[in-house]
Amino acid sequence: MDNVEHGSLRVRAGGLPELDSVNQTLVVPGEFEEVQREFPILIRKDDEGQYLAVALLGLDKGENLFLDNDGWVTRYVPAVNRRGPFFLAEQPADGPQTEPRFAVQIDLDDPRVGEDAGERLFRDQGGTTPYLDQITRTLHVIREGWAAQHPMFALLDELDLLQPLGIEMRLDGGKNYNLPGFHTVGAERFLELSGSELERLSKSGFLAATIFIRSSLPNMNRLIELKNRKLAARTGTA
């Protein structure tokens, strides 16, 4: 992106039902502290068998209970959703430089991108706006978190901390949900960690993130409350 070619572009910020209506979204370790205040953090395997973390947003396919027509109804929005139509692209090394360089790219076909409404990306004088600066920080949170999650979950798996989580819920009106395939940090196993194991987890930098995964689980109650409210509104019993 540059201020000449993209100086007139604007981006509609905030949640859009047509883009953010998903029942789970990827979250990365660097944002677990904020995420655990709002959403349940669950662990599942991707198609290649690698563990990753997701915030559970709904119980049915395409359902985000934390989103209404005006956007997200939470104090924190996961970084993957907050980034909008932007991406980081690694640039080729320049001369003797060994550290990777990254540039912000934008998807011009994204429906949030236009010239008529939304957040400006560049100032009149050519500098970046606070919105684009915030997006750049968000993209780096995602990049760094993506790199950190694989060694983190490898260590948790080695310490036998990743335990299957059976999620069975009975909602108002008798509707039942069974969500298979998720894991969490086992509370009993965590308390059984030896001093050397706990020290290893701490020195890795993953101790706090491990605790945040477990402490997020009470947010399942909030999810159930929102779902019951939605079901009641549909049946006219609210």
C-alpha atoms as a PDB file:
ATOM      1  CA  MET A   1       0.000   0.000   0.000  1.00  0.00           C
ATOM      2  CA  ASP A   2       1.110   3.559  -0.615  1.00  0.00           C
ATOM      3  CA  ASN A   3      -0.439   6.988  -0.180  1.00  0.00           C
ATOM      4  CA  VAL A   4      -0.423   7.766  -3.909  1.00  0.00           C
ATOM      5  CA  GLU A   5      -2.235   4.726  -5.264  1.00  0.00           C
ATOM      6  CA  HIS A   6      -4.478   4.218  -2.236  1.00  0.00           C
ATOM      7  CA  GLY A   7      -4.776   7.751  -0.872  1.00  0.00           C
ATOM      8  CA  SER A   8      -8.514   8.013  -1.523  1.00  0.00           C
ATOM      9  CA  LEU A   9      -9.480   4.589  -0.175  1.00  0.00           C
ATOM     10  CA  ARG A  10     -11.710   4.129   2.845  1.00  0.00           C
ATOM     11  CA  VAL A  11     -12.586   0.978   4.761  1.00  0.00           C
ATOM     12  CA  ARG A  12     -15.739   0.257   6.704  1.00  0.00           C
ATOM     13  CA  ALA A  13     -14.522  -0.831  10.120  1.00  0.00           C
ATOM     14  CA  GLY A  14     -16.442  -2.950  12.614  1.00  0.00           C
ATOM     15  CA  GLY A  15     -18.282  -6.222  12.249  1.00  0.00           C
ATOM     16  CA  LEU A  16     -20.403  -7.060   9.239  1.00  0.00           C
ATOM     17  CA  PRO A  17     -22.972  -9.880   9.485  1.00  0.00           C
ATOM     18  CA  GLU A  18     -22.173 -11.096   5.982  1.00  0.00           C
ATOM     19  CA  LEU A  19     -18.468 -11.507   6.866  1.00  0.00           C
ATOM     20  CA  ASP A  20     -18.332 -12.148  10.616  1.00  0.00           C
ATOM     21  CA  SER A  21     -21.228 -14.602  10.993  1.00  0.00           C
ATOM     22  CA  VAL A  22     -19.117 -17.616  11.968  1.00  0.00           C
ATOM     23  CA  ASN A  23     -19.459 -19.796  15.038  1.00  0.00           C
ATOM     24  CA  GLN A  24     -15.736 -19.845  15.814  1.00  0.00           C
ATOM     25  CA  THR A  25     -12.729 -17.741  14.918  1.00  0.00           C
ATOM     26  CA  LEU A  26      -8.986 -18.230  15.163  1.00  0.00           C
ATOM     27  CA  VAL A  27      -7.262 -16.567  18.129  1.00  0.00           C
ATOM     28  CA  VAL A  28      -3.539 -16.432  18.863  1.00  0.00           C
ATOM     29  CA  PRO A  29      -1.596 -16.497  22.158  1.00  0.00           C
ATOM     30  CA  GLY A  30      -0.704 -12.805  22.107  1.00  0.00           C
ATOM     31  CA  GLU A  31      -4.367 -11.853  22.524  1.00  0.00           C
ATOM     32  CA  PHE A  32      -5.495 -14.567  24.952  1.00  0.00           C
ATOM     33  CA  GLU A  33      -5.638 -12.148  27.892  1.00  0.00           C
ATOM     34  CA  GLU A  34      -8.232  -9.979  26.131  1.00  0.00           C
ATOM     35  CA  VAL A  35     -10.066 -12.882  24.503  1.00  0.00           C
ATOM     36  CA  GLN A  36     -10.570 -14.786  27.771  1.00  0.00           C
ATOM     37  CA  ARG A  37     -12.580 -11.888  29.191  1.00  0.00           C
ATOM     38  CA  GLU A  38     -15.227 -12.270  26.479  1.00  0.00           C
ATOM     39  CA  PHE A  39     -15.192 -15.684  24.800  1.00  0.00           C
ATOM     40  CA  PRO A  40     -14.485 -19.349  25.566  1.00  0.00           C
ATOM     41  CA  ILE A  41     -11.062 -20.293  24.172  1.00  0.00           C
ATOM     42  CA  LEU A  42     -11.129 -23.859  22.881  1.00  0.00           C
ATOM     43  CA  ILE A  43      -8.436 -25.952  21.215  1.00  0.00           C
ATOM     44  CA  ARG A  44      -8.992 -28.122  18.168  1.00  0.00           C
ATOM     45  CA  LYS A  45      -6.935 -29.699  15.405  1.00  0.00           C
ATOM     46  CA  ASP A  46      -6.763 -28.359  11.881  1.00  0.00           C
ATOM     47  CA  ASP A  47      -6.917 -30.486   8.733  1.00  0.00           C
ATOM     48  CA  GLU A  48      -3.214 -31.289   9.101  1.00  0.00           C
ATOM     49  CA  GLY A  49      -3.573 -32.458  12.704  1.00  0.00           C
ATOM     50  CA  GLN A  50      -1.999 -29.341  14.236  1.00  0.00           C
ATOM     51  CA  TYR A  51      -3.510 -27.830  17.361  1.00  0.00           C
ATOM     52  CA  LEU A  52      -4.873 -24.301  17.148  1.00  0.00           C
ATOM     53  CA  ALA A  53      -6.999 -22.088  19.371  1.00  0.00           C
ATOM     54  CA  VAL A  54     -10.419 -20.698  18.524  1.00  0.00           C
ATOM     55  CA  ALA A  55     -12.879 -18.430  20.258  1.00  0.00           C
ATOM     56  CA  LEU A  56     -16.320 -20.051  20.293  1.00  0.00           C
ATOM     57  CA  LEU A  57     -18.878 -17.524  19.034  1.00  0.00           C
ATOM     58  CA  GLY A  58     -21.990 -19.624  18.473  1.00  0.00           C
ATOM     59  CA  LEU A  59     -23.490 -23.082  18.560  1.00  0.00           C
ATOM     60  CA  ASP A  60     -24.918 -23.419  15.052  1.00  0.00           C
ATOM     61  CA  LYS A  61     -23.109 -23.094  11.731  1.00  0.00           C
ATOM     62  CA  GLY A  62     -22.744 -19.466  10.667  1.00  0.00           C
ATOM     63  CA  GLU A  63     -23.920 -18.177  14.040  1.00  0.00           C
ATOM     64  CA  ASN A  64     -22.110 -15.379  15.868  1.00  0.00           C
ATOM     65  CA  LEU A  65     -23.989 -14.609  19.063  1.00  0.00           C
ATOM     66  CA  PHE A  66     -21.690 -11.669  19.782  1.00  0.00           C
ATOM     67  CA  LEU A  67     -22.671  -9.789  16.620  1.00  0.00           C
ATOM     68  CA  ASP A  68     -25.766  -7.753  15.799  1.00  0.00           C
ATOM     69  CA  ASN A  69     -26.688  -5.483  12.910  1.00  0.00           C
ATOM     70  CA  ASP A  70     -24.602  -2.678  14.406  1.00  0.00           C
ATOM     71  CA  GLY A  71     -21.450  -4.786  14.819  1.00  0.00           C
ATOM     72  CA  TRP A  72     -19.753  -6.647  17.650  1.00  0.00           C
ATOM     73  CA  VAL A  73     -21.374  -6.344  21.092  1.00  0.00           C
ATOM     74  CA  THR A  74     -18.144  -7.132  22.957  1.00  0.00           C
ATOM     75  CA  ARG A  75     -15.380  -4.975  24.392  1.00  0.00           C
ATOM     76  CA  TYR A  76     -12.793  -6.910  22.409  1.00  0.00           C
ATOM     77  CA  VAL A  77     -12.872  -8.222  18.838  1.00  0.00           C
ATOM     78  CA  PRO A  78     -10.459 -11.036  17.892  1.00  0.00           C
ATOM     79  CA  ALA A  79      -7.521  -9.878  15.808  1.00  0.00           C
ATOM     80  CA  VAL A  80      -8.401 -12.048  12.794  1.00  0.00           C
ATOM     81  CA  ASN A  81     -11.785 -10.339  12.567  1.00  0.00           C
ATOM     82  CA  ARG A  82     -10.418  -6.906  13.411  1.00  0.00           C
ATOM     83  CA  ARG A  83      -7.885  -6.911  10.583  1.00  0.00           C
ATOM     84  CA  GLY A  84     -10.578  -6.405   7.949  1.00  0.00           C
ATOM     85  CA  PRO A  85      -9.394  -6.626   4.314  1.00  0.00           C
ATOM     86  CA  PHE A  86      -5.702  -6.252   5.194  1.00  0.00           C
ATOM     87  CA  PHE A  87      -2.797  -8.712   5.092  1.00  0.00           C
ATOM     88  CA  LEU A  88       0.931  -8.709   5.781  1.00  0.00           C
ATOM     89  CA  ALA A  89       3.257  -9.757   2.983  1.00  0.00           C
ATOM     90  CA  GLU A  90       6.922 -10.531   3.531  1.00  0.00           C
ATOM     91  CA  GLN A  91       9.223  -8.499   1.314  1.00  0.00           C
ATOM     92  CA  PRO A  92      12.453  -9.761  -0.304  1.00  0.00           C
ATOM     93  CA  ALA A  93      15.640  -9.012   1.607  1.00  0.00           C
ATOM     94  CA  ASP A  94      17.261  -5.740   0.573  1.00  0.00           C
ATOM     95  CA  GLY A  95      21.051  -5.865   0.428  1.00  0.00           C
ATOM     96  CA  PRO A  96      22.753  -7.128   3.587  1.00  0.00           C
ATOM     97  CA  GLN A  97      19.550  -6.948   5.600  1.00  0.00           C
ATOM     98  CA  THR A  98      18.766 -10.274   7.274  1.00  0.00           C
ATOM     99  CA  GLU A  99      15.624  -9.370   9.222  1.00  0.00           C
ATOM    100  CA  PRO A 100      12.408  -9.933   7.243  1.00  0.00           C
ATOM    101  CA  ARG A 101      10.469  -6.875   6.156  1.00  0.00           C
ATOM    102  CA  PHE A 102       6.700  -6.793   5.871  1.00  0.00           C
ATOM    103  CA  ALA A 103       4.304  -4.628   3.921  1.00  0.00           C
ATOM    104  CA  VAL A 104       0.586  -4.117   4.467  1.00  0.00           C
ATOM    105  CA  GLN A 105      -1.558  -5.240   1.540  1.00  0.00           C
ATOM    106  CA  ILE A 106      -5.258  -4.678   0.956  1.00  0.00           C
ATOM    107  CA  ASP A 107      -7.856  -6.766  -0.852  1.00  0.00           C
ATOM    108  CA  LEU A 108      -9.471  -4.256  -3.207  1.00  0.00           C
ATOM    109  CA  ASP A 109     -12.314  -6.691  -3.966  1.00  0.00           C
ATOM    110  CA  ASP A 110     -13.408  -6.804  -0.335  1.00  0.00           C
ATOM    111  CA  PRO A 111     -16.896  -5.250   0.079  1.00  0.00           C
ATOM    112  CA  ARG A 112     -15.628  -3.082   2.943  1.00  0.00           C
ATOM    113  CA  VAL A 113     -13.247  -1.199   0.635  1.00  0.00           C
ATOM    114  CA  GLY A 114     -14.358   1.898  -1.275  1.00  0.00           C
ATOM    115  CA  GLU A 115     -13.984   5.641  -1.540  1.00  0.00           C
ATOM    116  CA  ASP A 116     -17.331   6.879  -0.249  1.00  0.00           C
ATOM    117  CA  ALA A 117     -17.585   5.774   3.387  1.00  0.00           C
ATOM    118  CA  GLY A 118     -15.472   4.386   6.184  1.00  0.00           C
ATOM    119  CA  GLU A 119     -12.115   4.979   7.798  1.00  0.00           C
ATOM    120  CA  ARG A 120      -9.427   6.800   5.857  1.00  0.00           C
ATOM    121  CA  LEU A 121      -6.074   5.057   5.445  1.00  0.00           C
ATOM    122  CA  PHE A 122      -3.873   8.078   4.733  1.00  0.00           C
ATOM    123  CA  ARG A 123      -3.869  11.698   5.839  1.00  0.00           C
ATOM    124  CA  ASP A 124      -4.059  14.569   3.383  1.00  0.00           C
ATOM    125  CA  GLN A 125      -0.329  15.122   3.823  1.00  0.00           C
ATOM    126  CA  GLY A 126       0.380  11.480   3.018  1.00  0.00           C
ATOM    127  CA  GLY A 127       1.008   9.984   6.454  1.00  0.00           C
ATOM    128  CA  THR A 128      -0.896   6.978   7.757  1.00  0.00           C
ATOM    129  CA  THR A 129      -4.024   7.468   9.856  1.00  0.00           C
ATOM    130  CA  PRO A 130      -4.468   6.071  13.388  1.00  0.00           C
ATOM    131  CA  TYR A 131      -6.821   3.467  11.878  1.00  0.00           C
ATOM    132  CA  LEU A 132      -4.165   2.098   9.520  1.00  0.00           C
ATOM    133  CA  ASP A 133      -1.574   2.200  12.323  1.00  0.00           C
ATOM    134  CA  GLN A 134      -3.920   0.127  14.489  1.00  0.00           C
ATOM    135  CA  ILE A 135      -4.464  -2.337  11.644  1.00  0.00           C
ATOM    136  CA  THR A 136      -0.708  -2.705  11.203  1.00  0.00           C
ATOM    137  CA  ARG A 137      -0.299  -3.551  14.902  1.00  0.00           C
ATOM    138  CA  THR A 138      -3.130  -6.072  14.639  1.00  0.00           C
ATOM    139  CA  LEU A 139      -1.502  -7.783  11.671  1.00  0.00           C
ATOM    140  CA  HIS A 140       1.744  -8.166  13.608  1.00  0.00           C
ATOM    141  CA  VAL A 141      -0.167  -9.673  16.565  1.00  0.00           C
ATOM    142  CA  ILE A 142      -1.544 -12.286  14.178  1.00  0.00           C
ATOM    143  CA  ARG A 143       1.828 -12.961  12.545  1.00  0.00           C
ATOM    144  CA  GLU A 144       3.696 -13.318  15.827  1.00  0.00           C
ATOM    145  CA  GLY A 145       0.891 -15.321  17.414  1.00  0.00           C
ATOM    146  CA  TRP A 146       0.690 -17.722  14.507  1.00  0.00           C
ATOM    147  CA  ALA A 147       4.408 -18.409  14.840  1.00  0.00           C
ATOM    148  CA  ALA A 148       4.119 -18.909  18.623  1.00  0.00           C
ATOM    149  CA  GLN A 149       1.117 -21.200  18.775  1.00  0.00           C
ATOM    150  CA  HIS A 150       2.762 -24.297  17.263  1.00  0.00           C
ATOM    151  CA  PRO A 151       5.631 -24.507  19.793  1.00  0.00           C
ATOM    152  CA  MET A 152       3.184 -23.597  22.557  1.00  0.00           C
ATOM    153  CA  PHE A 153       0.776 -26.431  21.801  1.00  0.00           C
ATOM    154  CA  ALA A 154       3.654 -28.845  21.204  1.00  0.00           C
ATOM    155  CA  LEU A 155       4.867 -28.121  24.746  1.00  0.00           C
ATOM    156  CA  LEU A 156       1.389 -28.386  26.261  1.00  0.00           C
ATOM    157  CA  ASP A 157       0.905 -31.698  24.483  1.00  0.00           C
ATOM    158  CA  GLU A 158       4.274 -32.958  25.713  1.00  0.00           C
ATOM    159  CA  LEU A 159       3.300 -32.012  29.274  1.00  0.00           C
ATOM    160  CA  ASP A 160      -0.015 -33.855  28.816  1.00  0.00           C
ATOM    161  CA  LEU A 161      -1.952 -30.677  29.511  1.00  0.00           C
ATOM    162  CA  LEU A 162      -4.259 -30.891  26.480  1.00  0.00           C
ATOM    163  CA  GLN A 163      -7.343 -32.809  27.545  1.00  0.00           C
ATOM    164  CA  PRO A 164     -10.480 -33.624  25.516  1.00  0.00           C
ATOM    165  CA  LEU A 165     -13.391 -31.382  26.434  1.00  0.00           C
ATOM    166  CA  GLY A 166     -16.854 -32.862  26.224  1.00  0.00           C
ATOM    167  CA  ILE A 167     -19.374 -30.091  25.591  1.00  0.00           C
ATOM    168  CA  GLU A 168     -22.981 -31.140  26.069  1.00  0.00           C
ATOM    169  CA  MET A 169     -25.625 -28.491  26.650  1.00  0.00           C
ATOM    170  CA  ARG A 170     -29.365 -28.555  27.205  1.00  0.00           C
ATOM    171  CA  LEU A 171     -30.915 -25.196  26.449  1.00  0.00           C
ATOM    172  CA  ASP A 172     -34.286 -23.711  27.329  1.00  0.00           C
ATOM    173  CA  GLY A 173     -37.039 -25.454  25.427  1.00  0.00           C
ATOM    174  CA  GLY A 174     -35.204 -28.767  25.445  1.00  0.00           C
ATOM    175  CA  LYS A 175     -32.788 -28.080  22.592  1.00  0.00           C
ATOM    176  CA  ASN A 176     -29.579 -30.085  22.993  1.00  0.00           C
ATOM    177  CA  TYR A 177     -26.084 -29.427  21.682  1.00  0.00           C
ATOM    178  CA  ASN A 178     -23.093 -31.739  21.588  1.00  0.00           C
ATOM    179  CA  LEU A 179     -19.833 -30.152  20.390  1.00  0.00           C
ATOM    180  CA  PRO A 180     -17.158 -32.816  19.759  1.00  0.00           C
ATOM    181  CA  GLY A 181     -13.504 -32.471  18.877  1.00  0.00           C
ATOM    182  CA  PHE A 182     -12.434 -29.750  21.292  1.00  0.00           C
ATOM    183  CA  HIS A 183      -9.669 -29.773  23.902  1.00  0.00           C
ATOM    184  CA  THR A 184      -8.748 -27.545  26.811  1.00  0.00           C
ATOM    185  CA  VAL A 185      -6.062 -27.321  29.494  1.00  0.00           C
ATOM    186  CA  GLY A 186      -6.730 -30.038  32.044  1.00  0.00           C
ATOM    187  CA  ALA A 187      -7.187 -28.463  35.471  1.00  0.00           C
ATOM    188  CA  GLU A 188      -6.109 -31.509  37.471  1.00  0.00           C
ATOM    189  CA  ARG A 189      -3.047 -32.114  35.332  1.00  0.00           C
ATOM    190  CA  PHE A 190      -2.061 -28.463  35.623  1.00  0.00           C
ATOM    191  CA  LEU A 191      -2.167 -28.685  39.416  1.00  0.00           C
ATOM    192  CA  GLU A 192      -0.039 -31.841  39.262  1.00  0.00           C
ATOM    193  CA  LEU A 193       2.806 -30.170  37.338  1.00  0.00           C
ATOM    194  CA  SER A 194       6.142 -30.666  39.028  1.00  0.00           C
ATOM    195  CA  GLY A 195       8.348 -27.740  39.888  1.00  0.00           C
ATOM    196  CA  SER A 196      10.600 -28.416  36.920  1.00  0.00           C
ATOM    197  CA  GLU A 197       7.640 -28.735  34.545  1.00  0.00           C
ATOM    198  CA  LEU A 198       6.108 -25.505  35.820  1.00  0.00           C
ATOM    199  CA  GLU A 199       9.468 -23.777  35.489  1.00  0.00           C
ATOM    200  CA  ARG A 200       9.788 -25.039  31.942  1.00  0.00           C
ATOM    201  CA  LEU A 201       6.330 -23.731  31.077  1.00  0.00           C
ATOM    202  CA  SER A 202       7.142 -20.383  32.651  1.00  0.00           C
ATOM    203  CA  LYS A 203      10.503 -19.996  30.905  1.00  0.00           C
ATOM    204  CA  SER A 204       8.871 -20.796  27.573  1.00  0.00           C
ATOM    205  CA  GLY A 205       6.705 -17.704  27.972  1.00  0.00           C
ATOM    206  CA  PHE A 206       3.499 -19.724  27.655  1.00  0.00           C
ATOM    207  CA  LEU A 207       2.431 -19.988  31.304  1.00  0.00           C
ATOM    208  CA  ALA A 208       0.067 -17.002  31.246  1.00  0.00           C
ATOM    209  CA  ALA A 209      -1.509 -18.049  27.941  1.00  0.00           C
ATOM    210  CA  THR A 210      -2.064 -21.543  29.356  1.00  0.00           C
ATOM    211  CA  ILE A 211      -3.899 -20.112  32.361  1.00  0.00           C
ATOM    212  CA  PHE A 212      -5.975 -17.818  30.126  1.00  0.00           C
ATOM    213  CA  ILE A 213      -7.242 -20.817  28.129  1.00  0.00           C
ATOM    214  CA  ARG A 214      -8.569 -22.442  31.267  1.00  0.00           C
ATOM    215  CA  SER A 215      -9.946 -19.228  32.774  1.00  0.00           C
ATOM    216  CA  SER A 216     -11.976 -18.532  29.627  1.00  0.00           C
ATOM    217  CA  LEU A 217     -14.257 -21.545  30.068  1.00  0.00           C
ATOM    218  CA  PRO A 218     -16.850 -19.821  32.312  1.00  0.00           C
ATOM    219  CA  ASN A 219     -17.720 -17.726  29.261  1.00  0.00           C
ATOM    220  CA  MET A 220     -19.618 -20.795  28.061  1.00  0.00           C
ATOM    221  CA  ASN A 221     -22.332 -19.649  30.460  1.00  0.00           C
ATOM    222  CA  ARG A 222     -22.542 -16.329  28.637  1.00  0.00           C
ATOM    223  CA  LEU A 223     -22.761 -18.153  25.314  1.00  0.00           C
ATOM    224  CA  ILE A 224     -25.653 -20.267  26.600  1.00  0.00           C
ATOM    225  CA  GLU A 225     -27.393 -17.170  27.931  1.00  0.00           C
ATOM    226  CA  LEU A 226     -27.153 -15.452  24.540  1.00  0.00           C
ATOM    227  CA  LYS A 227     -28.384 -18.559  22.743  1.00  0.00           C
ATOM    228  CA  ASN A 228     -31.360 -18.960  25.083  1.00  0.00           C
ATOM    229  CA  ARG A 229     -32.209 -15.302  24.516  1.00  0.00           C
ATOM    230  CA  LYS A 230     -32.081 -15.798  20.754  1.00  0.00           C
ATOM    231  CA  LEU A 231     -34.278 -18.904  20.913  1.00  0.00           C
ATOM    232  CA  ALA A 232     -36.764 -17.113  23.145  1.00  0.00           C
ATOM    233  CA  ALA A 233     -36.978 -14.196  20.716  1.00  0.00           C
ATOM    234  CA  ARG A 234     -37.728 -16.594  17.857  1.00  0.00           C
ATOM    235  CA  THR A 235     -40.546 -18.319  19.736  1.00  0.00           C
ATOM    236  CA  GLY A 236     -41.953 -15.145  21.236  1.00  0.00           C
ATOM    237  CA  THR A 237     -41.330 -16.238  24.819  1.00  0.00           C
ATOM    238  CA  ALA A 238     -38.774 -13.529  25.670  1.00  0.00           C
END
